[in-house]
Amino acid sequence: MISQPYQLYVERSDASRNMARYYAMSIEANLFGDVCLLRKWGRIGATGQKMVHHFGREEEAVQLFLDLLRQKRKRGYRPRGSMPRAGELPS
């Protein structure tokens, strides 16, 4: 059983490079009691790719979740509402 919900959806856009990407993660339990980290990524509007990591303990899944979150933030991924619109300068 998962102690609390872990879900993330972030985007990275750059009109000058024709880039519009998304990255989504969640931690869930499967039918066998294992803890799984589900990852989905790709171009916004497309199906993209997915990967599932299986763990015996929730703490291991949370650690990978947080590590991946830090990596994505460094690469410029942000929550959907915090992205500057076309023609706006970031603050």
PDB file of N, CA and C in Angstrom:
ATOM      1  N   MET A   1       0.844  -1.188   0.000  1.00  0.00           N
ATOM      2  CA  MET A   1       0.000   0.000   0.000  1.00  0.00           C
ATOM      3  C   MET A   1       0.886   1.247   0.000  1.00  0.00           C
ATOM      4  N   ILE A   2       0.552   2.193  -0.834  1.00  0.00           N
ATOM      5  CA  ILE A   2       1.297   3.439  -0.949  1.00  0.00           C
ATOM      6  C   ILE A   2       0.837   4.385   0.162  1.00  0.00           C
ATOM      7  N   SER A   3       1.805   4.948   0.904  1.00  0.00           N
ATOM      8  CA  SER A   3       1.460   5.806   2.035  1.00  0.00           C
ATOM      9  C   SER A   3       0.859   7.140   1.609  1.00  0.00           C
ATOM     10  N   GLN A   4       1.314   7.703   0.488  1.00  0.00           N
ATOM     11  CA  GLN A   4       0.743   8.937  -0.046  1.00  0.00           C
ATOM     12  C   GLN A   4       0.905   8.947  -1.552  1.00  0.00           C
ATOM     13  N   PRO A   5       0.075   9.719  -2.267  1.00  0.00           N
ATOM     14  CA  PRO A   5       0.172   9.718  -3.730  1.00  0.00           C
ATOM     15  C   PRO A   5       1.399  10.488  -4.225  1.00  0.00           C
ATOM     16  N   TYR A   6       2.065   9.916  -5.191  1.00  0.00           N
ATOM     17  CA  TYR A   6       3.191  10.569  -5.870  1.00  0.00           C
ATOM     18  C   TYR A   6       2.842  10.644  -7.342  1.00  0.00           C
ATOM     19  N   GLN A   7       2.593  11.855  -7.833  1.00  0.00           N
ATOM     20  CA  GLN A   7       2.281  12.065  -9.238  1.00  0.00           C
ATOM     21  C   GLN A   7       2.951  13.343  -9.697  1.00  0.00           C
ATOM     22  N   LEU A   8       3.414  13.337 -10.942  1.00  0.00           N
ATOM     23  CA  LEU A   8       4.090  14.500 -11.495  1.00  0.00           C
ATOM     24  C   LEU A   8       3.791  14.593 -12.979  1.00  0.00           C
ATOM     25  N   TYR A   9       3.523  15.821 -13.447  1.00  0.00           N
ATOM     26  CA  TYR A   9       3.408  16.085 -14.878  1.00  0.00           C
ATOM     27  C   TYR A   9       4.107  17.415 -15.124  1.00  0.00           C
ATOM     28  N   VAL A  10       5.141  17.411 -15.973  1.00  0.00           N
ATOM     29  CA  VAL A  10       5.891  18.623 -16.304  1.00  0.00           C
ATOM     30  C   VAL A  10       6.068  18.713 -17.811  1.00  0.00           C
ATOM     31  N   GLU A  11       6.319  19.931 -18.280  1.00  0.00           N
ATOM     32  CA  GLU A  11       6.509  20.170 -19.707  1.00  0.00           C
ATOM     33  C   GLU A  11       7.745  21.018 -19.938  1.00  0.00           C
ATOM     34  N   ARG A  12       8.267  20.915 -21.139  1.00  0.00           N
ATOM     35  CA  ARG A  12       9.399  21.732 -21.584  1.00  0.00           C
ATOM     36  C   ARG A  12       9.109  22.175 -23.010  1.00  0.00           C
ATOM     37  N   SER A  13       9.068  23.485 -23.224  1.00  0.00           N
ATOM     38  CA  SER A  13       8.746  24.016 -24.552  1.00  0.00           C
ATOM     39  C   SER A  13       9.757  25.081 -24.955  1.00  0.00           C
ATOM     40  N   ASP A  14      10.095  25.083 -26.235  1.00  0.00           N
ATOM     41  CA  ASP A  14      10.957  26.110 -26.808  1.00  0.00           C
ATOM     42  C   ASP A  14      10.554  26.253 -28.273  1.00  0.00           C
ATOM     43  N   ALA A  15       9.804  27.306 -28.564  1.00  0.00           N
ATOM     44  CA  ALA A  15       9.276  27.502 -29.917  1.00  0.00           C
ATOM     45  C   ALA A  15      10.391  27.669 -30.947  1.00  0.00           C
ATOM     46  N   SER A  16      11.509  28.286 -30.559  1.00  0.00           N
ATOM     47  CA  SER A  16      12.597  28.498 -31.518  1.00  0.00           C
ATOM     48  C   SER A  16      13.237  27.189 -31.955  1.00  0.00           C
ATOM     49  N   ARG A  17      13.137  26.159 -31.125  1.00  0.00           N
ATOM     50  CA  ARG A  17      13.699  24.842 -31.475  1.00  0.00           C
ATOM     51  C   ARG A  17      12.620  23.818 -31.818  1.00  0.00           C
ATOM     52  N   ASN A  18      11.353  24.287 -31.940  1.00  0.00           N
ATOM     53  CA  ASN A  18      10.221  23.413 -32.221  1.00  0.00           C
ATOM     54  C   ASN A  18      10.139  22.272 -31.193  1.00  0.00           C
ATOM     55  N   MET A  19      10.354  22.621 -29.930  1.00  0.00           N
ATOM     56  CA  MET A  19      10.362  21.621 -28.862  1.00  0.00           C
ATOM     57  C   MET A  19       9.110  21.783 -28.012  1.00  0.00           C
ATOM     58  N   ALA A  20       8.402  20.699 -27.816  1.00  0.00           N
ATOM     59  CA  ALA A  20       7.227  20.670 -26.943  1.00  0.00           C
ATOM     60  C   ALA A  20       7.162  19.264 -26.346  1.00  0.00           C
ATOM     61  N   ARG A  21       7.738  19.098 -25.163  1.00  0.00           N
ATOM     62  CA  ARG A  21       7.856  17.771 -24.551  1.00  0.00           C
ATOM     63  C   ARG A  21       7.100  17.705 -23.225  1.00  0.00           C
ATOM     64  N   TYR A  22       6.702  16.503 -22.855  1.00  0.00           N
ATOM     65  CA  TYR A  22       6.103  16.276 -21.546  1.00  0.00           C
ATOM     66  C   TYR A  22       6.809  15.124 -20.857  1.00  0.00           C
ATOM     67  N   TYR A  23       6.673  15.085 -19.546  1.00  0.00           N
ATOM     68  CA  TYR A  23       7.233  13.995 -18.748  1.00  0.00           C
ATOM     69  C   TYR A  23       6.279  13.778 -17.585  1.00  0.00           C
ATOM     70  N   ALA A  24       5.839  12.549 -17.387  1.00  0.00           N
ATOM     71  CA  ALA A  24       4.897  12.229 -16.318  1.00  0.00           C
ATOM     72  C   ALA A  24       5.401  11.025 -15.535  1.00  0.00           C
ATOM     73  N   MET A  25       5.188  11.059 -14.214  1.00  0.00           N
ATOM     74  CA  MET A  25       5.576   9.945 -13.345  1.00  0.00           C
ATOM     75  C   MET A  25       4.513   9.746 -12.277  1.00  0.00           C
ATOM     76  N   SER A  26       4.383   8.513 -11.818  1.00  0.00           N
ATOM     77  CA  SER A  26       3.523   8.222 -10.670  1.00  0.00           C
ATOM     78  C   SER A  26       4.024   6.948 -10.005  1.00  0.00           C
ATOM     79  N   ILE A  27       3.779   6.860  -8.710  1.00  0.00           N
ATOM     80  CA  ILE A  27       4.107   5.653  -7.955  1.00  0.00           C
ATOM     81  C   ILE A  27       2.790   4.989  -7.596  1.00  0.00           C
ATOM     82  N   GLU A  28       2.673   3.714  -7.935  1.00  0.00           N
ATOM     83  CA  GLU A  28       1.436   2.961  -7.716  1.00  0.00           C
ATOM     84  C   GLU A  28       1.776   1.538  -7.276  1.00  0.00           C
ATOM     85  N   ALA A  29       0.814   0.898  -6.654  1.00  0.00           N
ATOM     86  CA  ALA A  29       0.963  -0.513  -6.282  1.00  0.00           C
ATOM     87  C   ALA A  29       0.308  -1.368  -7.377  1.00  0.00           C
ATOM     88  N   ASN A  30       0.922  -2.510  -7.670  1.00  0.00           N
ATOM     89  CA  ASN A  30       0.302  -3.403  -8.647  1.00  0.00           C
ATOM     90  C   ASN A  30      -0.505  -4.478  -7.916  1.00  0.00           C
ATOM     91  N   LEU A  31      -1.094  -5.393  -8.648  1.00  0.00           N
ATOM     92  CA  LEU A  31      -1.960  -6.419  -8.049  1.00  0.00           C
ATOM     93  C   LEU A  31      -1.209  -7.396  -7.151  1.00  0.00           C
ATOM     94  N   PHE A  32       0.103  -7.484  -7.308  1.00  0.00           N
ATOM     95  CA  PHE A  32       0.888  -8.425  -6.534  1.00  0.00           C
ATOM     96  C   PHE A  32       1.508  -7.798  -5.292  1.00  0.00           C
ATOM     97  N   GLY A  33       1.200  -6.531  -5.039  1.00  0.00           N
ATOM     98  CA  GLY A  33       1.720  -5.855  -3.863  1.00  0.00           C
ATOM     99  C   GLY A  33       3.057  -5.164  -4.076  1.00  0.00           C
ATOM    100  N   ASP A  34       3.622  -5.254  -5.277  1.00  0.00           N
ATOM    101  CA  ASP A  34       4.869  -4.549  -5.577  1.00  0.00           C
ATOM    102  C   ASP A  34       4.581  -3.065  -5.777  1.00  0.00           C
ATOM    103  N   VAL A  35       5.575  -2.255  -5.519  1.00  0.00           N
ATOM    104  CA  VAL A  35       5.480  -0.825  -5.766  1.00  0.00           C
ATOM    105  C   VAL A  35       6.107  -0.556  -7.129  1.00  0.00           C
ATOM    106  N   CYS A  36       5.396   0.201  -7.963  1.00  0.00           N
ATOM    107  CA  CYS A  36       5.868   0.488  -9.314  1.00  0.00           C
ATOM    108  C   CYS A  36       5.976   1.987  -9.540  1.00  0.00           C
ATOM    109  N   LEU A  37       7.044   2.387 -10.218  1.00  0.00           N
ATOM    110  CA  LEU A  37       7.204   3.761 -10.681  1.00  0.00           C
ATOM    111  C   LEU A  37       6.923   3.745 -12.172  1.00  0.00           C
ATOM    112  N   LEU A  38       5.852   4.414 -12.579  1.00  0.00           N
ATOM    113  CA  LEU A  38       5.475   4.487 -13.991  1.00  0.00           C
ATOM    114  C   LEU A  38       5.970   5.808 -14.551  1.00  0.00           C
ATOM    115  N   ARG A  39       6.651   5.757 -15.699  1.00  0.00           N
ATOM    116  CA  ARG A  39       7.190   6.952 -16.358  1.00  0.00           C
ATOM    117  C   ARG A  39       6.655   7.003 -17.781  1.00  0.00           C
ATOM    118  N   LYS A  40       6.215   8.195 -18.200  1.00  0.00           N
ATOM    119  CA  LYS A  40       5.753   8.409 -19.572  1.00  0.00           C
ATOM    120  C   LYS A  40       6.371   9.708 -20.060  1.00  0.00           C
ATOM    121  N   TRP A  41       6.800   9.739 -21.324  1.00  0.00           N
ATOM    122  CA  TRP A  41       7.409  10.942 -21.871  1.00  0.00           C
ATOM    123  C   TRP A  41       7.269  10.957 -23.376  1.00  0.00           C
ATOM    124  N   GLY A  42       7.382  12.156 -23.944  1.00  0.00           N
ATOM    125  CA  GLY A  42       7.324  12.299 -25.399  1.00  0.00           C
ATOM    126  C   GLY A  42       6.933  13.697 -25.800  1.00  0.00           C
ATOM    127  N   ARG A  43       6.562  13.850 -27.058  1.00  0.00           N
ATOM    128  CA  ARG A  43       6.130  15.144 -27.588  1.00  0.00           C
ATOM    129  C   ARG A  43       4.691  15.388 -27.139  1.00  0.00           C
ATOM    130  N   ILE A  44       4.392  16.624 -26.749  1.00  0.00           N
ATOM    131  CA  ILE A  44       3.046  16.972 -26.314  1.00  0.00           C
ATOM    132  C   ILE A  44       2.071  16.700 -27.454  1.00  0.00           C
ATOM    133  N   GLY A  45       1.013  15.984 -27.153  1.00  0.00           N
ATOM    134  CA  GLY A  45       0.016  15.621 -28.147  1.00  0.00           C
ATOM    135  C   GLY A  45       0.233  14.251 -28.766  1.00  0.00           C
ATOM    136  N   ALA A  46       1.388  13.627 -28.477  1.00  0.00           N
ATOM    137  CA  ALA A  46       1.689  12.298 -29.024  1.00  0.00           C
ATOM    138  C   ALA A  46       1.624  11.263 -27.905  1.00  0.00           C
ATOM    139  N   THR A  47       1.552  10.007 -28.283  1.00  0.00           N
ATOM    140  CA  THR A  47       1.481   8.919 -27.303  1.00  0.00           C
ATOM    141  C   THR A  47       2.772   8.814 -26.504  1.00  0.00           C
ATOM    142  N   GLY A  48       3.900   8.916 -27.145  1.00  0.00           N
ATOM    143  CA  GLY A  48       5.179   8.874 -26.447  1.00  0.00           C
ATOM    144  C   GLY A  48       5.593   7.475 -26.033  1.00  0.00           C
ATOM    145  N   GLN A  49       6.481   7.419 -25.057  1.00  0.00           N
ATOM    146  CA  GLN A  49       7.017   6.152 -24.573  1.00  0.00           C
ATOM    147  C   GLN A  49       6.677   5.975 -23.097  1.00  0.00           C
ATOM    148  N   LYS A  50       6.831   4.753 -22.610  1.00  0.00           N
ATOM    149  CA  LYS A  50       6.617   4.516 -21.190  1.00  0.00           C
ATOM    150  C   LYS A  50       7.551   3.447 -20.662  1.00  0.00           C
ATOM    151  N   MET A  51       7.786   3.510 -19.367  1.00  0.00           N
ATOM    152  CA  MET A  51       8.659   2.558 -18.699  1.00  0.00           C
ATOM    153  C   MET A  51       8.112   2.317 -17.295  1.00  0.00           C
ATOM    154  N   VAL A  52       8.221   1.084 -16.828  1.00  0.00           N
ATOM    155  CA  VAL A  52       7.756   0.741 -15.488  1.00  0.00           C
ATOM    156  C   VAL A  52       8.921   0.133 -14.721  1.00  0.00           C
ATOM    157  N   HIS A  53       9.182   0.665 -13.522  1.00  0.00           N
ATOM    158  CA  HIS A  53      10.206   0.141 -12.626  1.00  0.00           C
ATOM    159  C   HIS A  53       9.492  -0.534 -11.460  1.00  0.00           C
ATOM    160  N   HIS A  54       9.915  -1.742 -11.100  1.00  0.00           N
ATOM    161  CA  HIS A  54       9.309  -2.477  -9.992  1.00  0.00           C
ATOM    162  C   HIS A  54      10.244  -2.450  -8.791  1.00  0.00           C
ATOM    163  N   PHE A  55       9.662  -2.245  -7.608  1.00  0.00           N
ATOM    164  CA  PHE A  55      10.435  -2.180  -6.376  1.00  0.00           C
ATOM    165  C   PHE A  55       9.764  -3.026  -5.296  1.00  0.00           C
ATOM    166  N   GLY A  56      10.560  -3.516  -4.368  1.00  0.00           N
ATOM    167  CA  GLY A  56      10.028  -4.246  -3.226  1.00  0.00           C
ATOM    168  C   GLY A  56       9.585  -3.318  -2.116  1.00  0.00           C
ATOM    169  N   ARG A  57      10.188  -2.123  -2.071  1.00  0.00           N
ATOM    170  CA  ARG A  57       9.872  -1.164  -1.005  1.00  0.00           C
ATOM    171  C   ARG A  57       9.516   0.196  -1.603  1.00  0.00           C
ATOM    172  N   GLU A  58       8.583   0.867  -0.967  1.00  0.00           N
ATOM    173  CA  GLU A  58       8.149   2.186  -1.437  1.00  0.00           C
ATOM    174  C   GLU A  58       9.284   3.208  -1.377  1.00  0.00           C
ATOM    175  N   GLU A  59      10.152   3.115  -0.378  1.00  0.00           N
ATOM    176  CA  GLU A  59      11.243   4.076  -0.213  1.00  0.00           C
ATOM    177  C   GLU A  59      12.166   4.101  -1.428  1.00  0.00           C
ATOM    178  N   GLU A  60      12.409   2.942  -2.028  1.00  0.00           N
ATOM    179  CA  GLU A  60      13.267   2.875  -3.214  1.00  0.00           C
ATOM    180  C   GLU A  60      12.614   3.583  -4.398  1.00  0.00           C
ATOM    181  N   ALA A  61      11.307   3.399  -4.556  1.00  0.00           N
ATOM    182  CA  ALA A  61      10.579   4.053  -5.643  1.00  0.00           C
ATOM    183  C   ALA A  61      10.566   5.569  -5.442  1.00  0.00           C
ATOM    184  N   VAL A  62      10.379   6.013  -4.210  1.00  0.00           N
ATOM    185  CA  VAL A  62      10.357   7.446  -3.912  1.00  0.00           C
ATOM    186  C   VAL A  62      11.722   8.060  -4.201  1.00  0.00           C
ATOM    187  N   GLN A  63      12.793   7.349  -3.861  1.00  0.00           N
ATOM    188  CA  GLN A  63      14.141   7.874  -4.107  1.00  0.00           C
ATOM    189  C   GLN A  63      14.385   8.085  -5.602  1.00  0.00           C
ATOM    190  N   LEU A  64      14.011   7.107  -6.435  1.00  0.00           N
ATOM    191  CA  LEU A  64      14.161   7.260  -7.883  1.00  0.00           C
ATOM    192  C   LEU A  64      13.266   8.387  -8.402  1.00  0.00           C
ATOM    193  N   PHE A  65      12.037   8.481  -7.895  1.00  0.00           N
ATOM    194  CA  PHE A  65      11.114   9.540  -8.272  1.00  0.00           C
ATOM    195  C   PHE A  65      11.749  10.910  -8.035  1.00  0.00           C
ATOM    196  N   LEU A  66      12.313  11.114  -6.856  1.00  0.00           N
ATOM    197  CA  LEU A  66      12.924  12.397  -6.512  1.00  0.00           C
ATOM    198  C   LEU A  66      14.187  12.676  -7.331  1.00  0.00           C
ATOM    199  N   ASP A  67      14.984  11.634  -7.584  1.00  0.00           N
ATOM    200  CA  ASP A  67      16.178  11.805  -8.422  1.00  0.00           C
ATOM    201  C   ASP A  67      15.797  12.230  -9.843  1.00  0.00           C
ATOM    202  N   LEU A  68      14.793  11.582 -10.410  1.00  0.00           N
ATOM    203  CA  LEU A  68      14.342  11.930 -11.758  1.00  0.00           C
ATOM    204  C   LEU A  68      13.734  13.331 -11.782  1.00  0.00           C
ATOM    205  N   LEU A  69      13.016  13.701 -10.741  1.00  0.00           N
ATOM    206  CA  LEU A  69      12.452  15.042 -10.654  1.00  0.00           C
ATOM    207  C   LEU A  69      13.555  16.100 -10.690  1.00  0.00           C
ATOM    208  N   ARG A  70      14.621  15.889  -9.932  1.00  0.00           N
ATOM    209  CA  ARG A  70      15.749  16.829  -9.931  1.00  0.00           C
ATOM    210  C   ARG A  70      16.382  16.932 -11.320  1.00  0.00           C
ATOM    211  N   GLN A  71      16.550  15.792 -11.988  1.00  0.00           N
ATOM    212  CA  GLN A  71      17.133  15.802 -13.338  1.00  0.00           C
ATOM    213  C   GLN A  71      16.263  16.593 -14.314  1.00  0.00           C
ATOM    214  N   LYS A  72      14.970  16.399 -14.257  1.00  0.00           N
ATOM    215  CA  LYS A  72      14.055  17.079 -15.184  1.00  0.00           C
ATOM    216  C   LYS A  72      14.020  18.575 -14.907  1.00  0.00           C
ATOM    217  N   ARG A  73      14.054  18.980 -13.639  1.00  0.00           N
ATOM    218  CA  ARG A  73      14.075  20.412 -13.302  1.00  0.00           C
ATOM    219  C   ARG A  73      15.345  21.075 -13.849  1.00  0.00           C
ATOM    220  N   LYS A  74      16.486  20.370 -13.760  1.00  0.00           N
ATOM    221  CA  LYS A  74      17.741  20.909 -14.294  1.00  0.00           C
ATOM    222  C   LYS A  74      17.668  21.105 -15.804  1.00  0.00           C
ATOM    223  N   ARG A  75      16.919  20.250 -16.488  1.00  0.00           N
ATOM    224  CA  ARG A  75      16.815  20.333 -17.946  1.00  0.00           C
ATOM    225  C   ARG A  75      15.759  21.318 -18.413  1.00  0.00           C
ATOM    226  N   GLY A  76      15.053  21.965 -17.477  1.00  0.00           N
ATOM    227  CA  GLY A  76      14.099  22.999 -17.855  1.00  0.00           C
ATOM    228  C   GLY A  76      12.640  22.591 -17.852  1.00  0.00           C
ATOM    229  N   TYR A  77      12.309  21.409 -17.373  1.00  0.00           N
ATOM    230  CA  TYR A  77      10.919  20.995 -17.285  1.00  0.00           C
ATOM    231  C   TYR A  77      10.255  21.736 -16.131  1.00  0.00           C
ATOM    232  N   ARG A  78       9.005  22.218 -16.369  1.00  0.00           N
ATOM    233  CA  ARG A  78       8.261  22.961 -15.368  1.00  0.00           C
ATOM    234  C   ARG A  78       6.801  22.512 -15.395  1.00  0.00           C
ATOM    235  N   PRO A  79       6.064  22.731 -14.292  1.00  0.00           N
ATOM    236  CA  PRO A  79       4.626  22.431 -14.315  1.00  0.00           C
ATOM    237  C   PRO A  79       3.936  23.210 -15.429  1.00  0.00           C
ATOM    238  N   ARG A  80       2.880  22.682 -15.939  1.00  0.00           N
ATOM    239  CA  ARG A  80       2.212  23.235 -17.121  1.00  0.00           C
ATOM    240  C   ARG A  80       1.857  24.712 -16.958  1.00  0.00           C
ATOM    241  N   GLY A  81       1.331  25.159 -15.854  1.00  0.00           N
ATOM    242  CA  GLY A  81       0.894  26.537 -15.687  1.00  0.00           C
ATOM    243  C   GLY A  81       2.024  27.539 -15.549  1.00  0.00           C
ATOM    244  N   SER A  82       3.245  27.086 -15.277  1.00  0.00           N
ATOM    245  CA  SER A  82       4.343  28.024 -15.043  1.00  0.00           C
ATOM    246  C   SER A  82       5.187  28.293 -16.283  1.00  0.00           C
ATOM    247  N   MET A  83       4.776  27.803 -17.432  1.00  0.00           N
ATOM    248  CA  MET A  83       5.532  28.010 -18.671  1.00  0.00           C
ATOM    249  C   MET A  83       5.177  29.374 -19.251  1.00  0.00           C
ATOM    250  N   PRO A  84       6.157  30.158 -19.717  1.00  0.00           N
ATOM    251  CA  PRO A  84       5.853  31.437 -20.365  1.00  0.00           C
ATOM    252  C   PRO A  84       5.157  31.188 -21.709  1.00  0.00           C
ATOM    253  N   ARG A  85       4.238  32.068 -22.041  1.00  0.00           N
ATOM    254  CA  ARG A  85       3.533  31.947 -23.325  1.00  0.00           C
ATOM    255  C   ARG A  85       4.393  32.524 -24.446  1.00  0.00           C
ATOM    256  N   ALA A  86       4.039  32.211 -25.667  1.00  0.00           N
ATOM    257  CA  ALA A  86       4.774  32.700 -26.837  1.00  0.00           C
ATOM    258  C   ALA A  86       4.834  34.224 -26.808  1.00  0.00           C
ATOM    259  N   GLY A  87       6.018  34.771 -26.963  1.00  0.00           N
ATOM    260  CA  GLY A  87       6.203  36.207 -26.987  1.00  0.00           C
ATOM    261  C   GLY A  87       6.443  36.832 -25.631  1.00  0.00           C
ATOM    262  N   GLU A  88       6.251  36.067 -24.544  1.00  0.00           N
ATOM    263  CA  GLU A  88       6.491  36.594 -23.204  1.00  0.00           C
ATOM    264  C   GLU A  88       7.928  36.297 -22.777  1.00  0.00           C
ATOM    265  N   LEU A  89       8.483  37.195 -22.029  1.00  0.00           N
ATOM    266  CA  LEU A  89       9.808  36.957 -21.482  1.00  0.00           C
ATOM    267  C   LEU A  89       9.694  36.272 -20.137  1.00  0.00           C
ATOM    268  N   PRO A  90      10.520  35.269 -19.872  1.00  0.00           N
ATOM    269  CA  PRO A  90      10.451  34.627 -18.572  1.00  0.00           C
ATOM    270  C   PRO A  90      10.909  35.590 -17.481  1.00  0.00           C
ATOM    271  N   SER A  91      10.298  35.500 -16.316  1.00  0.00           N
ATOM    272  CA  SER A  91      10.659  36.405 -15.216  1.00  0.00           C
ATOM    273  C   SER A  91      11.747  35.855 -14.338  1.00  0.00           C
TER     274      SER A  91
END
